[in-house]
């Protein structure tokens, strides 16, 4: 059985901290055991994203597939469960899974993603996928409201000189209180990280989502990643570019504009806060990239409201 070779960039994941180092150390044995147990023949390539390593394989039945082993965190916990519920409708087809090892065997899609598609056409593709994946959520999924609620106290105690305007923090707290009280805020599977690079072309035509960070939430929670990806295409006129994307997604999917706007604000302000939190955890000031990211988050927040 061929051995899976880990690229240098994957080995460098270990620099993120002890838990990441443990994940990297576990990968050779996990891949070796899964290849044997699931009777898979690996290819010569190894692909990776921020939190997962993927190996193209051929199954015992001769089917082209991919074997993915993800970093064990909240975001990857229920990937297999969501894919199982979607059953290949609008999403990559799940062939086999071992949630304990964060391992999934998936059909092999084309590696063409929505970065290859014009901006608003990509938004229309994603809006067309929403009804296919926003199905009733199984009870095992954590709720979006409980997830967002983890940051209520940290946001309340954020100092006034933090790089998030105090009025946005107050708005965030008010919106989160309203959304947590709204019964519509849970009950549907939401992908959670649905952007251009997490939608791939299917060999038979059409598009399929991959890499869900599955939770039980509101369909309107889904929009934010489509607004800040491909940022260079809207950077010349952020307000107009973001609003075009926002209204295309809302109109094509038949969503409630006010609810969609509320969830975009909640997600983008929280994204900005996470940058601050990461720097504080490492006991260092915000660097230039983090400050640029906070600026982007606040720009999206303003654009959907102005």
Protein backbone atom coordinates (compact mmCIF):
# COMPACT_ATOMS: atom_id res chain seq x y z
CA UNK A 1 0.00 0.00 0.00
CA UNK A 2 1.41 3.40 -0.98
CA UNK A 3 2.29 5.81 1.78
CA UNK A 4 0.59 9.22 1.87
CA UNK A 5 3.16 11.99 1.62
CA UNK A 6 2.42 15.10 3.67
CA UNK A 7 3.47 18.35 1.95
CA UNK A 8 5.69 20.78 3.83
CA UNK A 9 2.77 23.17 4.16
CA UNK A 10 0.78 20.50 6.01
CA UNK A 11 3.71 19.73 8.31
CA UNK A 12 3.81 23.47 9.06
CA UNK A 13 0.31 23.22 10.57
CA UNK A 14 2.14 22.04 13.70
CA UNK A 15 3.41 25.58 14.23
CA UNK A 16 -0.11 26.70 15.11
CA UNK A 17 0.10 25.08 18.55
CA UNK A 18 0.15 21.77 20.44
CA UNK A 19 -3.28 20.59 19.29
CA UNK A 20 -2.38 21.19 15.66
CA UNK A 21 0.95 19.41 16.18
CA UNK A 22 -0.95 16.39 17.54
CA UNK A 23 -3.22 16.43 14.48
CA UNK A 24 -0.24 16.48 12.10
CA UNK A 25 1.46 13.68 14.03
CA UNK A 26 -1.70 11.55 13.77
CA UNK A 27 -2.13 11.89 10.01
CA UNK A 28 0.29 9.19 8.72
CA UNK A 29 -1.25 6.47 10.90
CA UNK A 30 -4.82 7.60 10.20
CA UNK A 31 -4.30 7.55 6.44
CA UNK A 32 -2.45 4.24 6.56
CA UNK A 33 -5.19 2.55 8.59
CA UNK A 34 -8.07 4.04 6.60
CA UNK A 35 -6.55 3.03 3.27
CA UNK A 36 -6.32 -0.56 4.49
CA UNK A 37 -9.68 -0.72 6.28
CA UNK A 38 -11.62 0.87 3.44
CA UNK A 39 -9.66 -0.91 0.67
CA UNK A 40 -8.53 2.24 -1.07
CA UNK A 41 -5.71 2.79 -3.53
CA UNK A 42 -4.18 6.27 -3.15
CA UNK A 43 -3.00 8.49 -5.96
CA UNK A 44 0.26 10.37 -6.03
CA UNK A 45 -1.13 13.76 -4.97
CA UNK A 46 -2.03 15.20 -1.57
CA UNK A 47 -4.31 18.22 -1.37
CA UNK A 48 -5.02 20.36 1.66
CA UNK A 49 -6.98 23.32 2.93
CA UNK A 50 -6.71 25.27 6.16
CA UNK A 51 -8.01 22.44 8.35
CA UNK A 52 -8.00 19.22 6.34
CA UNK A 53 -5.84 16.96 4.20
CA UNK A 54 -7.32 15.20 1.16
CA UNK A 55 -5.94 12.30 -0.86
CA UNK A 56 -7.43 11.20 -4.21
CA UNK A 57 -8.11 7.46 -4.10
CA UNK A 58 -9.72 4.65 -6.06
CA UNK A 59 -12.13 2.35 -4.24
CA UNK A 60 -12.20 -1.43 -4.43
CA UNK A 61 -15.07 -1.04 -6.92
CA UNK A 62 -12.95 1.17 -9.16
CA UNK A 63 -14.71 4.44 -8.28
CA UNK A 64 -12.71 7.65 -8.17
CA UNK A 65 -13.05 9.19 -4.72
CA UNK A 66 -11.22 11.34 -2.19
CA UNK A 67 -10.27 10.51 1.39
CA UNK A 68 -10.35 13.50 3.71
CA UNK A 69 -9.06 13.70 7.29
CA UNK A 70 -9.93 16.97 9.03
CA UNK A 71 -8.68 18.74 12.12
CA UNK A 72 -10.93 17.76 15.05
CA UNK A 73 -12.77 20.91 16.09
CA UNK A 74 -16.34 22.17 16.39
CA UNK A 75 -16.48 23.15 12.74
CA UNK A 76 -15.66 19.66 11.41
CA UNK A 77 -17.56 17.67 14.04
CA UNK A 78 -20.76 17.17 12.05
CA UNK A 79 -19.53 17.28 8.45
CA UNK A 80 -20.44 13.63 7.85
CA UNK A 81 -23.86 14.03 9.44
CA UNK A 82 -24.74 16.96 7.19
CA UNK A 83 -23.49 15.18 4.07
CA UNK A 84 -25.50 12.11 5.02
CA UNK A 85 -28.67 14.19 5.34
CA UNK A 86 -28.08 15.95 2.05
CA UNK A 87 -27.62 12.63 0.25
CA UNK A 88 -25.79 14.20 -2.70
CA UNK A 89 -28.54 16.76 -3.36
CA UNK A 90 -26.63 19.98 -3.90
CA UNK A 91 -23.64 18.57 -2.02
CA UNK A 92 -20.76 16.18 -2.58
CA UNK A 93 -21.87 12.56 -2.11
CA UNK A 94 -20.71 10.81 1.06
CA UNK A 95 -19.51 7.25 0.50
CA UNK A 96 -18.26 6.37 3.98
CA UNK A 97 -17.37 8.11 7.23
CA UNK A 98 -15.61 7.70 10.54
CA UNK A 99 -16.56 10.80 12.58
CA UNK A 100 -14.29 9.80 15.49
CA UNK A 101 -11.26 10.09 13.21
CA UNK A 102 -12.84 13.03 11.33
CA UNK A 103 -12.51 10.96 8.17
CA UNK A 104 -14.86 11.00 5.19
CA UNK A 105 -14.71 9.19 1.87
CA UNK A 106 -16.33 11.34 -0.82
CA UNK A 107 -17.11 11.16 -4.49
CA UNK A 108 -14.43 12.91 -6.52
CA UNK A 109 -15.64 16.17 -8.01
CA UNK A 110 -13.94 18.36 -10.56
CA UNK A 111 -11.57 20.79 -8.82
CA UNK A 112 -13.16 23.70 -10.72
CA UNK A 113 -14.77 26.07 -8.20
CA UNK A 114 -16.80 29.27 -8.35
CA UNK A 115 -13.68 31.42 -8.58
CA UNK A 116 -13.90 30.59 -12.29
CA UNK A 117 -17.41 32.07 -12.61
CA UNK A 118 -18.29 35.78 -12.93
CA UNK A 119 -19.15 37.47 -9.64
CA UNK A 120 -22.93 37.72 -9.74
CA UNK A 121 -23.31 34.43 -11.61
CA UNK A 122 -21.48 32.77 -8.70
CA UNK A 123 -23.98 34.38 -6.33
CA UNK A 124 -26.85 33.02 -8.39
CA UNK A 125 -25.35 29.51 -8.32
CA UNK A 126 -25.04 29.61 -4.54
CA UNK A 127 -28.55 31.03 -4.12
CA UNK A 128 -29.82 28.10 -6.19
CA UNK A 129 -28.07 25.64 -3.86
CA UNK A 130 -29.58 27.11 -0.69
CA UNK A 131 -32.96 25.33 -1.03
CA UNK A 132 -31.22 21.98 -1.59
CA UNK A 133 -29.06 22.11 1.53
CA UNK A 134 -31.27 24.05 3.95
CA UNK A 135 -33.23 20.97 4.96
CA UNK A 136 -34.55 20.22 8.48
CA UNK A 137 -31.63 19.84 10.89
CA UNK A 138 -31.07 16.66 12.90
CA UNK A 139 -31.10 17.12 16.68
CA UNK A 140 -27.39 16.32 17.04
CA UNK A 141 -26.33 19.61 15.47
CA UNK A 142 -25.37 22.50 17.74
CA UNK A 143 -27.46 25.59 17.15
CA UNK A 144 -26.21 28.77 15.57
CA UNK A 145 -27.73 30.73 18.46
CA UNK A 146 -25.77 28.79 21.10
CA UNK A 147 -22.61 29.12 19.02
CA UNK A 148 -22.92 32.89 18.62
CA UNK A 149 -23.98 33.20 22.25
CA UNK A 150 -20.52 32.08 23.40
CA UNK A 151 -19.21 35.55 22.61
CA UNK A 152 -21.89 37.61 24.35
CA UNK A 153 -19.86 38.26 27.49
CA UNK A 154 -16.55 38.93 25.69
CA UNK A 155 -18.32 41.40 23.40
CA UNK A 156 -19.99 43.12 26.36
CA UNK A 157 -16.59 43.66 27.97
CA UNK A 158 -14.78 44.77 24.83
CA UNK A 159 -12.99 48.03 25.68
CA UNK A 160 -14.15 51.23 24.00
CA UNK A 161 -10.77 51.71 22.33
CA UNK A 162 -10.97 48.36 20.51
CA UNK A 163 -10.82 48.63 16.68
CA UNK A 164 -14.55 47.87 16.40
CA UNK A 165 -16.70 51.01 16.81
CA UNK A 166 -18.66 50.91 20.07
CA UNK A 167 -21.92 51.56 18.22
CA UNK A 168 -21.34 48.37 16.18
CA UNK A 169 -20.71 46.39 19.36
CA UNK A 170 -23.97 47.72 20.83
CA UNK A 171 -25.82 46.89 17.61
CA UNK A 172 -24.31 43.39 17.64
CA UNK A 173 -25.46 42.75 21.20
CA UNK A 174 -28.99 43.95 20.38
CA UNK A 175 -29.23 41.86 17.20
CA UNK A 176 -27.93 38.72 18.89
CA UNK A 177 -30.50 39.11 21.69
CA UNK A 178 -33.30 39.43 19.13
CA UNK A 179 -32.09 36.57 16.95
CA UNK A 180 -31.59 34.19 19.87
CA UNK A 181 -35.21 34.82 20.87
CA UNK A 182 -36.50 34.21 17.33
CA UNK A 183 -37.65 30.60 16.76
CA UNK A 184 -36.70 30.93 13.08
CA UNK A 185 -33.02 31.12 14.09
CA UNK A 186 -32.69 27.33 14.38
CA UNK A 187 -34.06 24.26 12.67
CA UNK A 188 -32.36 24.10 9.25
CA UNK A 189 -28.98 22.70 8.34
CA UNK A 190 -26.71 25.60 7.46
CA UNK A 191 -23.36 25.05 5.78
CA UNK A 192 -21.67 27.85 7.70
CA UNK A 193 -18.73 28.45 5.33
CA UNK A 194 -20.40 28.58 1.94
CA UNK A 195 -18.16 30.60 -0.36
CA UNK A 196 -16.74 30.32 -3.88
CA UNK A 197 -14.02 27.77 -3.08
CA UNK A 198 -16.41 25.46 -1.25
CA UNK A 199 -18.54 24.88 -4.35
CA UNK A 200 -17.12 22.48 -6.94
CA UNK A 201 -18.25 21.35 -10.38
CA UNK A 202 -19.78 17.88 -10.62
CA UNK A 203 -18.59 15.61 -13.47
CA UNK A 204 -22.17 15.24 -14.71
CA UNK A 205 -22.73 19.00 -14.65
CA UNK A 206 -23.93 21.45 -12.07
CA UNK A 207 -22.38 22.43 -8.77
CA UNK A 208 -21.99 20.78 -5.34
CA UNK A 209 -21.05 22.20 -1.95
CA UNK A 210 -18.19 20.73 0.07
CA UNK A 211 -16.67 21.21 3.55
CA UNK A 212 -19.73 22.10 5.63
CA UNK A 213 -19.35 23.59 9.11
CA UNK A 214 -22.79 22.26 9.82
CA UNK A 215 -25.10 23.72 12.46
CA UNK A 216 -28.83 24.05 13.07
CA UNK A 217 -29.69 27.58 12.10
CA UNK A 218 -31.54 30.06 9.94
CA UNK A 219 -31.06 30.04 6.18
CA UNK A 220 -30.29 33.77 6.35
CA UNK A 221 -27.13 32.95 8.34
CA UNK A 222 -25.50 31.68 5.16
CA UNK A 223 -24.78 34.84 3.14
CA UNK A 224 -21.75 36.49 4.76
CA UNK A 225 -18.89 34.41 3.25
CA UNK A 226 -20.10 35.21 -0.27
CA UNK A 227 -19.77 38.92 0.48
CA UNK A 228 -16.14 39.09 1.61
CA UNK A 229 -14.54 36.49 -0.65
CA UNK A 230 -13.05 37.67 -3.97
CA UNK A 231 -12.55 40.98 -2.15
CA UNK A 232 -10.33 42.45 -4.84
CA UNK A 233 -13.34 42.54 -7.17
CA UNK A 234 -15.30 44.91 -4.93
CA UNK A 235 -12.45 46.84 -3.33
CA UNK A 236 -12.79 49.72 -5.81
CA UNK A 237 -16.38 50.41 -4.73
CA UNK A 238 -17.09 48.33 -1.65
CA UNK A 239 -20.59 49.63 -1.00
CA UNK A 240 -21.85 48.98 -4.53
CA UNK A 241 -20.05 45.65 -4.95
CA UNK A 242 -21.15 44.17 -1.64
CA UNK A 243 -24.71 45.38 -2.09
CA UNK A 244 -24.90 43.82 -5.58
CA UNK A 245 -23.86 40.48 -4.15
CA UNK A 246 -26.16 40.80 -1.15
CA UNK A 247 -29.26 41.66 -3.19
CA UNK A 248 -28.50 38.99 -5.79
CA UNK A 249 -28.35 36.32 -3.09
CA UNK A 250 -31.46 37.62 -1.33
CA UNK A 251 -33.54 38.04 -4.48
CA UNK A 252 -32.52 34.79 -6.18
CA UNK A 253 -33.12 32.75 -3.01
CA UNK A 254 -36.30 34.58 -2.01
CA UNK A 255 -34.93 35.54 1.40
CA UNK A 256 -36.09 38.16 3.89
CA UNK A 257 -33.81 41.18 3.39
CA UNK A 258 -33.95 42.37 7.00
CA UNK A 259 -33.11 38.95 8.45
CA UNK A 260 -30.32 38.47 5.93
CA UNK A 261 -28.89 41.89 6.81
CA UNK A 262 -29.07 41.15 10.55
CA UNK A 263 -27.15 37.89 10.23
CA UNK A 264 -24.51 39.48 7.97
CA UNK A 265 -23.92 42.17 10.60
CA UNK A 266 -23.71 39.58 13.39
CA UNK A 267 -21.27 37.39 11.49
CA UNK A 268 -19.02 40.17 10.24
CA UNK A 269 -18.69 41.94 13.59
CA UNK A 270 -17.95 38.57 15.21
CA UNK A 271 -15.32 37.87 12.53
CA UNK A 272 -13.67 41.18 13.41
CA UNK A 273 -13.76 40.32 17.11
CA UNK A 274 -12.10 36.94 16.50
CA UNK A 275 -9.07 38.71 15.05
CA UNK A 276 -8.78 40.72 18.25
CA UNK A 277 -9.27 37.59 20.35
CA UNK A 278 -6.56 35.68 18.45
CA UNK A 279 -4.01 38.45 19.03
CA UNK A 280 -4.90 38.66 22.72
CA UNK A 281 -4.52 34.91 23.14
CA UNK A 282 -1.01 35.12 21.74
CA UNK A 283 -0.24 38.20 23.88
CA UNK A 284 0.71 40.41 20.95
CA UNK A 285 -0.67 43.46 19.15
CA UNK A 286 -2.76 43.12 16.02
CA UNK A 287 -0.61 42.78 12.91
CA UNK A 288 -1.20 44.45 9.55
CA UNK A 289 -3.12 41.54 8.03
CA UNK A 290 -5.42 41.35 11.02
CA UNK A 291 -6.11 45.07 10.92
CA UNK A 292 -6.85 44.81 7.18
CA UNK A 293 -9.24 41.93 7.88
CA UNK A 294 -11.03 43.93 10.59
CA UNK A 295 -11.36 46.81 8.11
CA UNK A 296 -12.89 44.42 5.57
CA UNK A 297 -15.36 43.06 8.14
CA UNK A 298 -16.48 46.54 9.12
CA UNK A 299 -16.74 47.61 5.48
CA UNK A 300 -19.12 44.72 4.73
CA UNK A 301 -21.12 45.55 7.85
CA UNK A 302 -21.53 49.14 6.73
CA UNK A 303 -22.23 48.29 3.09
CA UNK A 304 -25.28 46.12 3.77
CA UNK A 305 -26.80 48.85 5.97
CA UNK A 306 -26.00 52.19 4.28
